[in-house]
Amino acid sequence: MQSGDFSGVDENFVIDATAFKLREVALSYTLPSEWLENLFINGASIGISARNLLIVLPKENRRYNDPEIGSGIGGYGQTPPTKFYNFNVKLNF
């Protein structure tokens, strides 16, 4: 017979750890060359990107922020992953 803190741990304590994450999305658009004919620019593009936009967890696992980040037992003390948004402009001369 076992004794101690974890002697009663059984399948009732197992939860679904399935997670879906949208890690990165990036969109860019290259301006048509006709728009740049009278300028000194040979090419131009603009873009946006974002990271850590979405995480979907099963209902019984929503008290945890992110299954890939953990500090301590059960992920207590986690901070949510930081979301990043970027905008860029690329010019060719």
PDB file of N, CA and C in Angstrom:
ATOM      1  N   MET A   1       0.845  -1.184   0.000  1.00  0.00           N
ATOM      2  CA  MET A   1       0.000   0.000   0.000  1.00  0.00           C
ATOM      3  C   MET A   1       0.884   1.238   0.000  1.00  0.00           C
ATOM      4  N   GLN A   2       0.523   2.205  -0.845  1.00  0.00           N
ATOM      5  CA  GLN A   2       1.288   3.456  -0.935  1.00  0.00           C
ATOM      6  C   GLN A   2       0.766   4.468   0.068  1.00  0.00           C
ATOM      7  N   SER A   3       1.659   5.358   0.451  1.00  0.00           N
ATOM      8  CA  SER A   3       1.238   6.458   1.305  1.00  0.00           C
ATOM      9  C   SER A   3       1.926   7.723   0.825  1.00  0.00           C
ATOM     10  N   GLY A   4       1.394   8.854   1.227  1.00  0.00           N
ATOM     11  CA  GLY A   4       1.975  10.128   0.825  1.00  0.00           C
ATOM     12  C   GLY A   4       0.967  10.983   0.075  1.00  0.00           C
ATOM     13  N   ASP A   5       1.450  12.109  -0.415  1.00  0.00           N
ATOM     14  CA  ASP A   5       0.572  13.081  -1.072  1.00  0.00           C
ATOM     15  C   ASP A   5      -0.083  12.547  -2.341  1.00  0.00           C
ATOM     16  N   PHE A   6       0.599  11.690  -3.090  1.00  0.00           N
ATOM     17  CA  PHE A   6       0.095  11.261  -4.378  1.00  0.00           C
ATOM     18  C   PHE A   6      -0.464   9.838  -4.362  1.00  0.00           C
ATOM     19  N   SER A   7      -0.758   9.301  -3.205  1.00  0.00           N
ATOM     20  CA  SER A   7      -1.251   7.928  -3.144  1.00  0.00           C
ATOM     21  C   SER A   7      -2.642   7.802  -3.748  1.00  0.00           C
ATOM     22  N   GLY A   8      -3.417   8.887  -3.767  1.00  0.00           N
ATOM     23  CA  GLY A   8      -4.777   8.828  -4.299  1.00  0.00           C
ATOM     24  C   GLY A   8      -4.885   9.279  -5.745  1.00  0.00           C
ATOM     25  N   VAL A   9      -3.759   9.581  -6.402  1.00  0.00           N
ATOM     26  CA  VAL A   9      -3.802  10.052  -7.783  1.00  0.00           C
ATOM     27  C   VAL A   9      -4.210   8.894  -8.681  1.00  0.00           C
ATOM     28  N   ASP A  10      -5.221   9.143  -9.496  1.00  0.00           N
ATOM     29  CA  ASP A  10      -5.748   8.107 -10.378  1.00  0.00           C
ATOM     30  C   ASP A  10      -6.200   8.788 -11.659  1.00  0.00           C
ATOM     31  N   GLU A  11      -6.895   8.062 -12.502  1.00  0.00           N
ATOM     32  CA  GLU A  11      -7.319   8.609 -13.785  1.00  0.00           C
ATOM     33  C   GLU A  11      -8.279   9.780 -13.628  1.00  0.00           C
ATOM     34  N   ASN A  12      -8.876   9.955 -12.469  1.00  0.00           N
ATOM     35  CA  ASN A  12      -9.757  11.106 -12.240  1.00  0.00           C
ATOM     36  C   ASN A  12      -8.987  12.421 -12.291  1.00  0.00           C
ATOM     37  N   PHE A  13      -7.681  12.357 -12.114  1.00  0.00           N
ATOM     38  CA  PHE A  13      -6.869  13.562 -12.101  1.00  0.00           C
ATOM     39  C   PHE A  13      -6.225  13.860 -13.451  1.00  0.00           C
ATOM     40  N   VAL A  14      -6.520  13.067 -14.466  1.00  0.00           N
ATOM     41  CA  VAL A  14      -5.971  13.268 -15.803  1.00  0.00           C
ATOM     42  C   VAL A  14      -6.956  14.124 -16.592  1.00  0.00           C
ATOM     43  N   ILE A  15      -6.444  15.199 -17.194  1.00  0.00           N
ATOM     44  CA  ILE A  15      -7.306  16.078 -17.983  1.00  0.00           C
ATOM     45  C   ILE A  15      -6.803  16.130 -19.417  1.00  0.00           C
ATOM     46  N   ASP A  16      -7.663  16.555 -20.301  1.00  0.00           N
ATOM     47  CA  ASP A  16      -7.330  16.675 -21.717  1.00  0.00           C
ATOM     48  C   ASP A  16      -6.371  17.840 -21.906  1.00  0.00           C
ATOM     49  N   ALA A  17      -5.225  17.589 -22.487  1.00  0.00           N
ATOM     50  CA  ALA A  17      -4.223  18.632 -22.701  1.00  0.00           C
ATOM     51  C   ALA A  17      -4.166  19.072 -24.166  1.00  0.00           C
ATOM     52  N   THR A  18      -5.206  18.765 -24.929  1.00  0.00           N
ATOM     53  CA  THR A  18      -5.248  19.185 -26.323  1.00  0.00           C
ATOM     54  C   THR A  18      -5.211  20.711 -26.388  1.00  0.00           C
ATOM     55  N   ALA A  19      -4.434  21.247 -27.311  1.00  0.00           N
ATOM     56  CA  ALA A  19      -4.362  22.701 -27.468  1.00  0.00           C
ATOM     57  C   ALA A  19      -4.194  23.030 -28.941  1.00  0.00           C
ATOM     58  N   PHE A  20      -4.820  24.100 -29.349  1.00  0.00           N
ATOM     59  CA  PHE A  20      -4.676  24.622 -30.709  1.00  0.00           C
ATOM     60  C   PHE A  20      -4.163  26.049 -30.577  1.00  0.00           C
ATOM     61  N   LYS A  21      -3.050  26.341 -31.251  1.00  0.00           N
ATOM     62  CA  LYS A  21      -2.464  27.689 -31.164  1.00  0.00           C
ATOM     63  C   LYS A  21      -2.297  28.270 -32.559  1.00  0.00           C
ATOM     64  N   LEU A  22      -2.632  29.511 -32.684  1.00  0.00           N
ATOM     65  CA  LEU A  22      -2.335  30.273 -33.898  1.00  0.00           C
ATOM     66  C   LEU A  22      -1.088  31.080 -33.567  1.00  0.00           C
ATOM     67  N   ARG A  23       0.066  30.573 -33.984  1.00  0.00           N
ATOM     68  CA  ARG A  23       1.345  31.150 -33.579  1.00  0.00           C
ATOM     69  C   ARG A  23       1.705  32.406 -34.359  1.00  0.00           C
ATOM     70  N   GLU A  24       1.544  32.351 -35.664  1.00  0.00           N
ATOM     71  CA  GLU A  24       1.982  33.500 -36.462  1.00  0.00           C
ATOM     72  C   GLU A  24       1.147  33.614 -37.728  1.00  0.00           C
ATOM     73  N   VAL A  25       0.786  34.844 -38.058  1.00  0.00           N
ATOM     74  CA  VAL A  25       0.082  35.165 -39.291  1.00  0.00           C
ATOM     75  C   VAL A  25       0.816  36.333 -39.930  1.00  0.00           C
ATOM     76  N   ALA A  26       1.074  36.220 -41.216  1.00  0.00           N
ATOM     77  CA  ALA A  26       1.766  37.300 -41.925  1.00  0.00           C
ATOM     78  C   ALA A  26       1.100  37.508 -43.283  1.00  0.00           C
ATOM     79  N   LEU A  27       0.846  38.747 -43.603  1.00  0.00           N
ATOM     80  CA  LEU A  27       0.274  39.123 -44.888  1.00  0.00           C
ATOM     81  C   LEU A  27       1.130  40.233 -45.493  1.00  0.00           C
ATOM     82  N   SER A  28       1.367  40.155 -46.791  1.00  0.00           N
ATOM     83  CA  SER A  28       2.098  41.232 -47.459  1.00  0.00           C
ATOM     84  C   SER A  28       1.479  41.488 -48.816  1.00  0.00           C
ATOM     85  N   TYR A  29       1.684  42.683 -49.305  1.00  0.00           N
ATOM     86  CA  TYR A  29       1.141  43.100 -50.587  1.00  0.00           C
ATOM     87  C   TYR A  29       2.221  43.866 -51.333  1.00  0.00           C
ATOM     88  N   THR A  30       2.487  43.446 -52.551  1.00  0.00           N
ATOM     89  CA  THR A  30       3.449  44.148 -53.402  1.00  0.00           C
ATOM     90  C   THR A  30       2.687  45.120 -54.284  1.00  0.00           C
ATOM     91  N   LEU A  31       3.094  46.372 -54.217  1.00  0.00           N
ATOM     92  CA  LEU A  31       2.410  47.403 -55.014  1.00  0.00           C
ATOM     93  C   LEU A  31       2.667  47.169 -56.504  1.00  0.00           C
ATOM     94  N   PRO A  32       1.655  47.380 -57.348  1.00  0.00           N
ATOM     95  CA  PRO A  32       1.853  47.216 -58.790  1.00  0.00           C
ATOM     96  C   PRO A  32       2.909  48.193 -59.322  1.00  0.00           C
ATOM     97  N   SER A  33       3.705  47.725 -60.261  1.00  0.00           N
ATOM     98  CA  SER A  33       4.777  48.567 -60.817  1.00  0.00           C
ATOM     99  C   SER A  33       4.222  49.810 -61.517  1.00  0.00           C
ATOM    100  N   GLU A  34       2.991  49.737 -62.024  1.00  0.00           N
ATOM    101  CA  GLU A  34       2.381  50.916 -62.674  1.00  0.00           C
ATOM    102  C   GLU A  34       2.215  52.079 -61.701  1.00  0.00           C
ATOM    103  N   TRP A  35       2.021  51.791 -60.453  1.00  0.00           N
ATOM    104  CA  TRP A  35       1.853  52.845 -59.450  1.00  0.00           C
ATOM    105  C   TRP A  35       3.169  53.576 -59.182  1.00  0.00           C
ATOM    106  N   LEU A  36       4.277  52.953 -59.517  1.00  0.00           N
ATOM    107  CA  LEU A  36       5.594  53.502 -59.180  1.00  0.00           C
ATOM    108  C   LEU A  36       6.339  54.042 -60.398  1.00  0.00           C
ATOM    109  N   GLU A  37       5.683  54.080 -61.574  1.00  0.00           N
ATOM    110  CA  GLU A  37       6.355  54.468 -62.813  1.00  0.00           C
ATOM    111  C   GLU A  37       6.993  55.855 -62.753  1.00  0.00           C
ATOM    112  N   ASN A  38       6.346  56.837 -62.170  1.00  0.00           N
ATOM    113  CA  ASN A  38       6.842  58.213 -62.141  1.00  0.00           C
ATOM    114  C   ASN A  38       7.654  58.527 -60.886  1.00  0.00           C
ATOM    115  N   LEU A  39       7.978  57.527 -60.114  1.00  0.00           N
ATOM    116  CA  LEU A  39       8.753  57.722 -58.891  1.00  0.00           C
ATOM    117  C   LEU A  39      10.146  57.132 -59.061  1.00  0.00           C
ATOM    118  N   PHE A  40      11.018  57.434 -58.154  1.00  0.00           N
ATOM    119  CA  PHE A  40      12.379  56.905 -58.178  1.00  0.00           C
ATOM    120  C   PHE A  40      12.475  55.554 -57.478  1.00  0.00           C
ATOM    121  N   ILE A  41      11.347  54.948 -57.166  1.00  0.00           N
ATOM    122  CA  ILE A  41      11.299  53.662 -56.470  1.00  0.00           C
ATOM    123  C   ILE A  41      11.042  52.558 -57.495  1.00  0.00           C
ATOM    124  N   ASN A  42      11.853  51.497 -57.455  1.00  0.00           N
ATOM    125  CA  ASN A  42      11.692  50.376 -58.382  1.00  0.00           C
ATOM    126  C   ASN A  42      10.659  49.354 -57.918  1.00  0.00           C
ATOM    127  N   GLY A  43      10.436  49.273 -56.649  1.00  0.00           N
ATOM    128  CA  GLY A  43       9.475  48.320 -56.104  1.00  0.00           C
ATOM    129  C   GLY A  43       9.125  48.669 -54.671  1.00  0.00           C
ATOM    130  N   ALA A  44       7.951  48.275 -54.252  1.00  0.00           N
ATOM    131  CA  ALA A  44       7.515  48.557 -52.881  1.00  0.00           C
ATOM    132  C   ALA A  44       6.523  47.491 -52.440  1.00  0.00           C
ATOM    133  N   SER A  45       6.588  47.162 -51.161  1.00  0.00           N
ATOM    134  CA  SER A  45       5.611  46.248 -50.579  1.00  0.00           C
ATOM    135  C   SER A  45       5.334  46.666 -49.141  1.00  0.00           C
ATOM    136  N   ILE A  46       4.162  46.311 -48.671  1.00  0.00           N
ATOM    137  CA  ILE A  46       3.774  46.580 -47.287  1.00  0.00           C
ATOM    138  C   ILE A  46       3.316  45.262 -46.675  1.00  0.00           C
ATOM    139  N   GLY A  47       3.446  45.154 -45.376  1.00  0.00           N
ATOM    140  CA  GLY A  47       3.052  43.910 -44.726  1.00  0.00           C
ATOM    141  C   GLY A  47       2.691  44.099 -43.277  1.00  0.00           C
ATOM    142  N   ILE A  48       1.928  43.151 -42.777  1.00  0.00           N
ATOM    143  CA  ILE A  48       1.592  43.101 -41.354  1.00  0.00           C
ATOM    144  C   ILE A  48       1.808  41.659 -40.889  1.00  0.00           C
ATOM    145  N   SER A  49       2.153  41.519 -39.636  1.00  0.00           N
ATOM    146  CA  SER A  49       2.283  40.188 -39.058  1.00  0.00           C
ATOM    147  C   SER A  49       1.927  40.251 -37.578  1.00  0.00           C
ATOM    148  N   ALA A  50       1.563  39.111 -37.041  1.00  0.00           N
ATOM    149  CA  ALA A  50       1.198  39.028 -35.625  1.00  0.00           C
ATOM    150  C   ALA A  50       1.577  37.645 -35.114  1.00  0.00           C
ATOM    151  N   ARG A  51       1.901  37.582 -33.814  1.00  0.00           N
ATOM    152  CA  ARG A  51       2.259  36.321 -33.163  1.00  0.00           C
ATOM    153  C   ARG A  51       1.415  36.111 -31.921  1.00  0.00           C
ATOM    154  N   ASN A  52       1.200  34.843 -31.595  1.00  0.00           N
ATOM    155  CA  ASN A  52       0.449  34.439 -30.399  1.00  0.00           C
ATOM    156  C   ASN A  52      -0.945  35.060 -30.360  1.00  0.00           C
ATOM    157  N   LEU A  53      -1.657  34.917 -31.461  1.00  0.00           N
ATOM    158  CA  LEU A  53      -2.977  35.531 -31.561  1.00  0.00           C
ATOM    159  C   LEU A  53      -4.078  34.766 -30.833  1.00  0.00           C
ATOM    160  N   LEU A  54      -3.982  33.434 -30.825  1.00  0.00           N
ATOM    161  CA  LEU A  54      -5.109  32.647 -30.337  1.00  0.00           C
ATOM    162  C   LEU A  54      -4.618  31.336 -29.742  1.00  0.00           C
ATOM    163  N   ILE A  55      -5.248  30.935 -28.651  1.00  0.00           N
ATOM    164  CA  ILE A  55      -5.038  29.598 -28.107  1.00  0.00           C
ATOM    165  C   ILE A  55      -6.403  29.053 -27.707  1.00  0.00           C
ATOM    166  N   VAL A  56      -6.687  27.832 -28.134  1.00  0.00           N
ATOM    167  CA  VAL A  56      -7.954  27.178 -27.826  1.00  0.00           C
ATOM    168  C   VAL A  56      -7.637  25.958 -26.967  1.00  0.00           C
ATOM    169  N   LEU A  57      -8.231  25.927 -25.788  1.00  0.00           N
ATOM    170  CA  LEU A  57      -8.022  24.825 -24.844  1.00  0.00           C
ATOM    171  C   LEU A  57      -9.361  24.161 -24.540  1.00  0.00           C
ATOM    172  N   PRO A  58      -9.361  22.873 -24.191  1.00  0.00           N
ATOM    173  CA  PRO A  58     -10.607  22.229 -23.786  1.00  0.00           C
ATOM    174  C   PRO A  58     -11.135  22.842 -22.492  1.00  0.00           C
ATOM    175  N   LYS A  59     -12.430  22.732 -22.283  1.00  0.00           N
ATOM    176  CA  LYS A  59     -13.080  23.384 -21.143  1.00  0.00           C
ATOM    177  C   LYS A  59     -12.427  23.042 -19.806  1.00  0.00           C
ATOM    178  N   GLU A  60     -12.078  21.776 -19.596  1.00  0.00           N
ATOM    179  CA  GLU A  60     -11.515  21.384 -18.292  1.00  0.00           C
ATOM    180  C   GLU A  60     -10.067  21.831 -18.109  1.00  0.00           C
ATOM    181  N   ASN A  61      -9.455  22.371 -19.131  1.00  0.00           N
ATOM    182  CA  ASN A  61      -8.053  22.777 -19.051  1.00  0.00           C
ATOM    183  C   ASN A  61      -7.883  24.295 -19.177  1.00  0.00           C
ATOM    184  N   ARG A  62      -8.922  25.067 -19.081  1.00  0.00           N
ATOM    185  CA  ARG A  62      -8.833  26.510 -19.321  1.00  0.00           C
ATOM    186  C   ARG A  62      -8.197  27.293 -18.178  1.00  0.00           C
ATOM    187  N   ARG A  63      -7.975  26.685 -17.065  1.00  0.00           N
ATOM    188  CA  ARG A  63      -7.317  27.433 -15.983  1.00  0.00           C
ATOM    189  C   ARG A  63      -5.816  27.554 -16.214  1.00  0.00           C
ATOM    190  N   TYR A  64      -5.297  26.822 -17.197  1.00  0.00           N
ATOM    191  CA  TYR A  64      -3.889  26.922 -17.562  1.00  0.00           C
ATOM    192  C   TYR A  64      -3.767  27.841 -18.761  1.00  0.00           C
ATOM    193  N   ASN A  65      -2.766  28.711 -18.764  1.00  0.00           N
ATOM    194  CA  ASN A  65      -2.626  29.667 -19.858  1.00  0.00           C
ATOM    195  C   ASN A  65      -2.119  29.038 -21.139  1.00  0.00           C
ATOM    196  N   ASP A  66      -1.036  28.275 -21.038  1.00  0.00           N
ATOM    197  CA  ASP A  66      -0.389  27.747 -22.221  1.00  0.00           C
ATOM    198  C   ASP A  66       0.306  26.447 -21.853  1.00  0.00           C
ATOM    199  N   PRO A  67      -0.020  25.335 -22.524  1.00  0.00           N
ATOM    200  CA  PRO A  67       0.604  24.073 -22.146  1.00  0.00           C
ATOM    201  C   PRO A  67       2.099  24.002 -22.452  1.00  0.00           C
ATOM    202  N   GLU A  68       2.611  24.905 -23.267  1.00  0.00           N
ATOM    203  CA  GLU A  68       4.041  24.901 -23.589  1.00  0.00           C
ATOM    204  C   GLU A  68       4.869  25.715 -22.611  1.00  0.00           C
ATOM    205  N   ILE A  69       4.226  26.490 -21.775  1.00  0.00           N
ATOM    206  CA  ILE A  69       4.929  27.328 -20.800  1.00  0.00           C
ATOM    207  C   ILE A  69       4.488  26.883 -19.421  1.00  0.00           C
ATOM    208  N   GLY A  70       5.423  26.574 -18.579  1.00  0.00           N
ATOM    209  CA  GLY A  70       5.059  26.139 -17.247  1.00  0.00           C
ATOM    210  C   GLY A  70       6.085  26.568 -16.233  1.00  0.00           C
ATOM    211  N   SER A  71       5.617  26.877 -15.067  1.00  0.00           N
ATOM    212  CA  SER A  71       6.523  27.167 -13.959  1.00  0.00           C
ATOM    213  C   SER A  71       5.916  26.553 -12.716  1.00  0.00           C
ATOM    214  N   GLY A  72       6.477  25.469 -12.300  1.00  0.00           N
ATOM    215  CA  GLY A  72       5.961  24.817 -11.113  1.00  0.00           C
ATOM    216  C   GLY A  72       4.964  23.732 -11.468  1.00  0.00           C
ATOM    217  N   ILE A  73       4.438  23.114 -10.464  1.00  0.00           N
ATOM    218  CA  ILE A  73       3.511  22.008 -10.652  1.00  0.00           C
ATOM    219  C   ILE A  73       2.163  22.539 -11.126  1.00  0.00           C
ATOM    220  N   GLY A  74       1.687  21.983 -12.221  1.00  0.00           N
ATOM    221  CA  GLY A  74       0.368  22.365 -12.723  1.00  0.00           C
ATOM    222  C   GLY A  74       0.342  23.687 -13.448  1.00  0.00           C
ATOM    223  N   GLY A  75       1.467  24.326 -13.657  1.00  0.00           N
ATOM    224  CA  GLY A  75       1.513  25.572 -14.397  1.00  0.00           C
ATOM    225  C   GLY A  75       1.086  26.802 -13.610  1.00  0.00           C
ATOM    226  N   TYR A  76       1.019  26.694 -12.298  1.00  0.00           N
ATOM    227  CA  TYR A  76       0.635  27.864 -11.502  1.00  0.00           C
ATOM    228  C   TYR A  76       1.714  28.936 -11.607  1.00  0.00           C
ATOM    229  N   GLY A  77       1.318  30.177 -11.620  1.00  0.00           N
ATOM    230  CA  GLY A  77       2.264  31.273 -11.709  1.00  0.00           C
ATOM    231  C   GLY A  77       2.656  31.604 -13.135  1.00  0.00           C
ATOM    232  N   GLN A  78       1.937  31.063 -14.115  1.00  0.00           N
ATOM    233  CA  GLN A  78       2.236  31.349 -15.519  1.00  0.00           C
ATOM    234  C   GLN A  78       1.802  32.757 -15.875  1.00  0.00           C
ATOM    235  N   THR A  79       2.487  33.318 -16.829  1.00  0.00           N
ATOM    236  CA  THR A  79       2.026  34.556 -17.439  1.00  0.00           C
ATOM    237  C   THR A  79       1.654  34.230 -18.874  1.00  0.00           C
ATOM    238  N   PRO A  80       0.644  34.878 -19.424  1.00  0.00           N
ATOM    239  CA  PRO A  80       0.253  34.573 -20.792  1.00  0.00           C
ATOM    240  C   PRO A  80       1.349  34.959 -21.771  1.00  0.00           C
ATOM    241  N   PRO A  81       1.463  34.246 -22.895  1.00  0.00           N
ATOM    242  CA  PRO A  81       2.454  34.620 -23.892  1.00  0.00           C
ATOM    243  C   PRO A  81       2.129  35.998 -24.460  1.00  0.00           C
ATOM    244  N   THR A  82       3.159  36.742 -24.758  1.00  0.00           N
ATOM    245  CA  THR A  82       2.989  38.103 -25.266  1.00  0.00           C
ATOM    246  C   THR A  82       2.548  38.076 -26.721  1.00  0.00           C
ATOM    247  N   LYS A  83       1.588  38.924 -27.055  1.00  0.00           N
ATOM    248  CA  LYS A  83       1.156  39.073 -28.443  1.00  0.00           C
ATOM    249  C   LYS A  83       2.013  40.159 -29.089  1.00  0.00           C
ATOM    250  N   PHE A  84       2.413  39.913 -30.319  1.00  0.00           N
ATOM    251  CA  PHE A  84       3.208  40.878 -31.066  1.00  0.00           C
ATOM    252  C   PHE A  84       2.471  41.255 -32.341  1.00  0.00           C
ATOM    253  N   TYR A  85       2.478  42.535 -32.672  1.00  0.00           N
ATOM    254  CA  TYR A  85       1.925  43.029 -33.922  1.00  0.00           C
ATOM    255  C   TYR A  85       3.007  43.838 -34.618  1.00  0.00           C
ATOM    256  N   ASN A  86       3.216  43.570 -35.907  1.00  0.00           N
ATOM    257  CA  ASN A  86       4.255  44.266 -36.667  1.00  0.00           C
ATOM    258  C   ASN A  86       3.688  44.814 -37.965  1.00  0.00           C
ATOM    259  N   PHE A  87       4.240  45.915 -38.391  1.00  0.00           N
ATOM    260  CA  PHE A  87       3.920  46.522 -39.675  1.00  0.00           C
ATOM    261  C   PHE A  87       5.237  46.814 -40.351  1.00  0.00           C
ATOM    262  N   ASN A  88       5.347  46.520 -41.659  1.00  0.00           N
ATOM    263  CA  ASN A  88       6.602  46.802 -42.334  1.00  0.00           C
ATOM    264  C   ASN A  88       6.363  47.361 -43.729  1.00  0.00           C
ATOM    265  N   VAL A  89       7.342  48.120 -44.179  1.00  0.00           N
ATOM    266  CA  VAL A  89       7.359  48.706 -45.513  1.00  0.00           C
ATOM    267  C   VAL A  89       8.710  48.373 -46.129  1.00  0.00           C
ATOM    268  N   LYS A  90       8.707  47.856 -47.344  1.00  0.00           N
ATOM    269  CA  LYS A  90       9.946  47.525 -48.047  1.00  0.00           C
ATOM    270  C   LYS A  90       9.978  48.323 -49.348  1.00  0.00           C
ATOM    271  N   LEU A  91      11.065  49.080 -49.530  1.00  0.00           N
ATOM    272  CA  LEU A  91      11.247  49.884 -50.732  1.00  0.00           C
ATOM    273  C   LEU A  91      12.498  49.444 -51.460  1.00  0.00           C
ATOM    274  N   ASN A  92      12.405  49.309 -52.780  1.00  0.00           N
ATOM    275  CA  ASN A  92      13.558  48.983 -53.616  1.00  0.00           C
ATOM    276  C   ASN A  92      13.898  50.198 -54.483  1.00  0.00           C
ATOM    277  N   PHE A  93      15.141  50.617 -54.418  1.00  0.00           N
ATOM    278  CA  PHE A  93      15.572  51.788 -55.194  1.00  0.00           C
ATOM    279  C   PHE A  93      16.415  51.369 -56.362  1.00  0.00           C
TER     280      PHE A  93
END
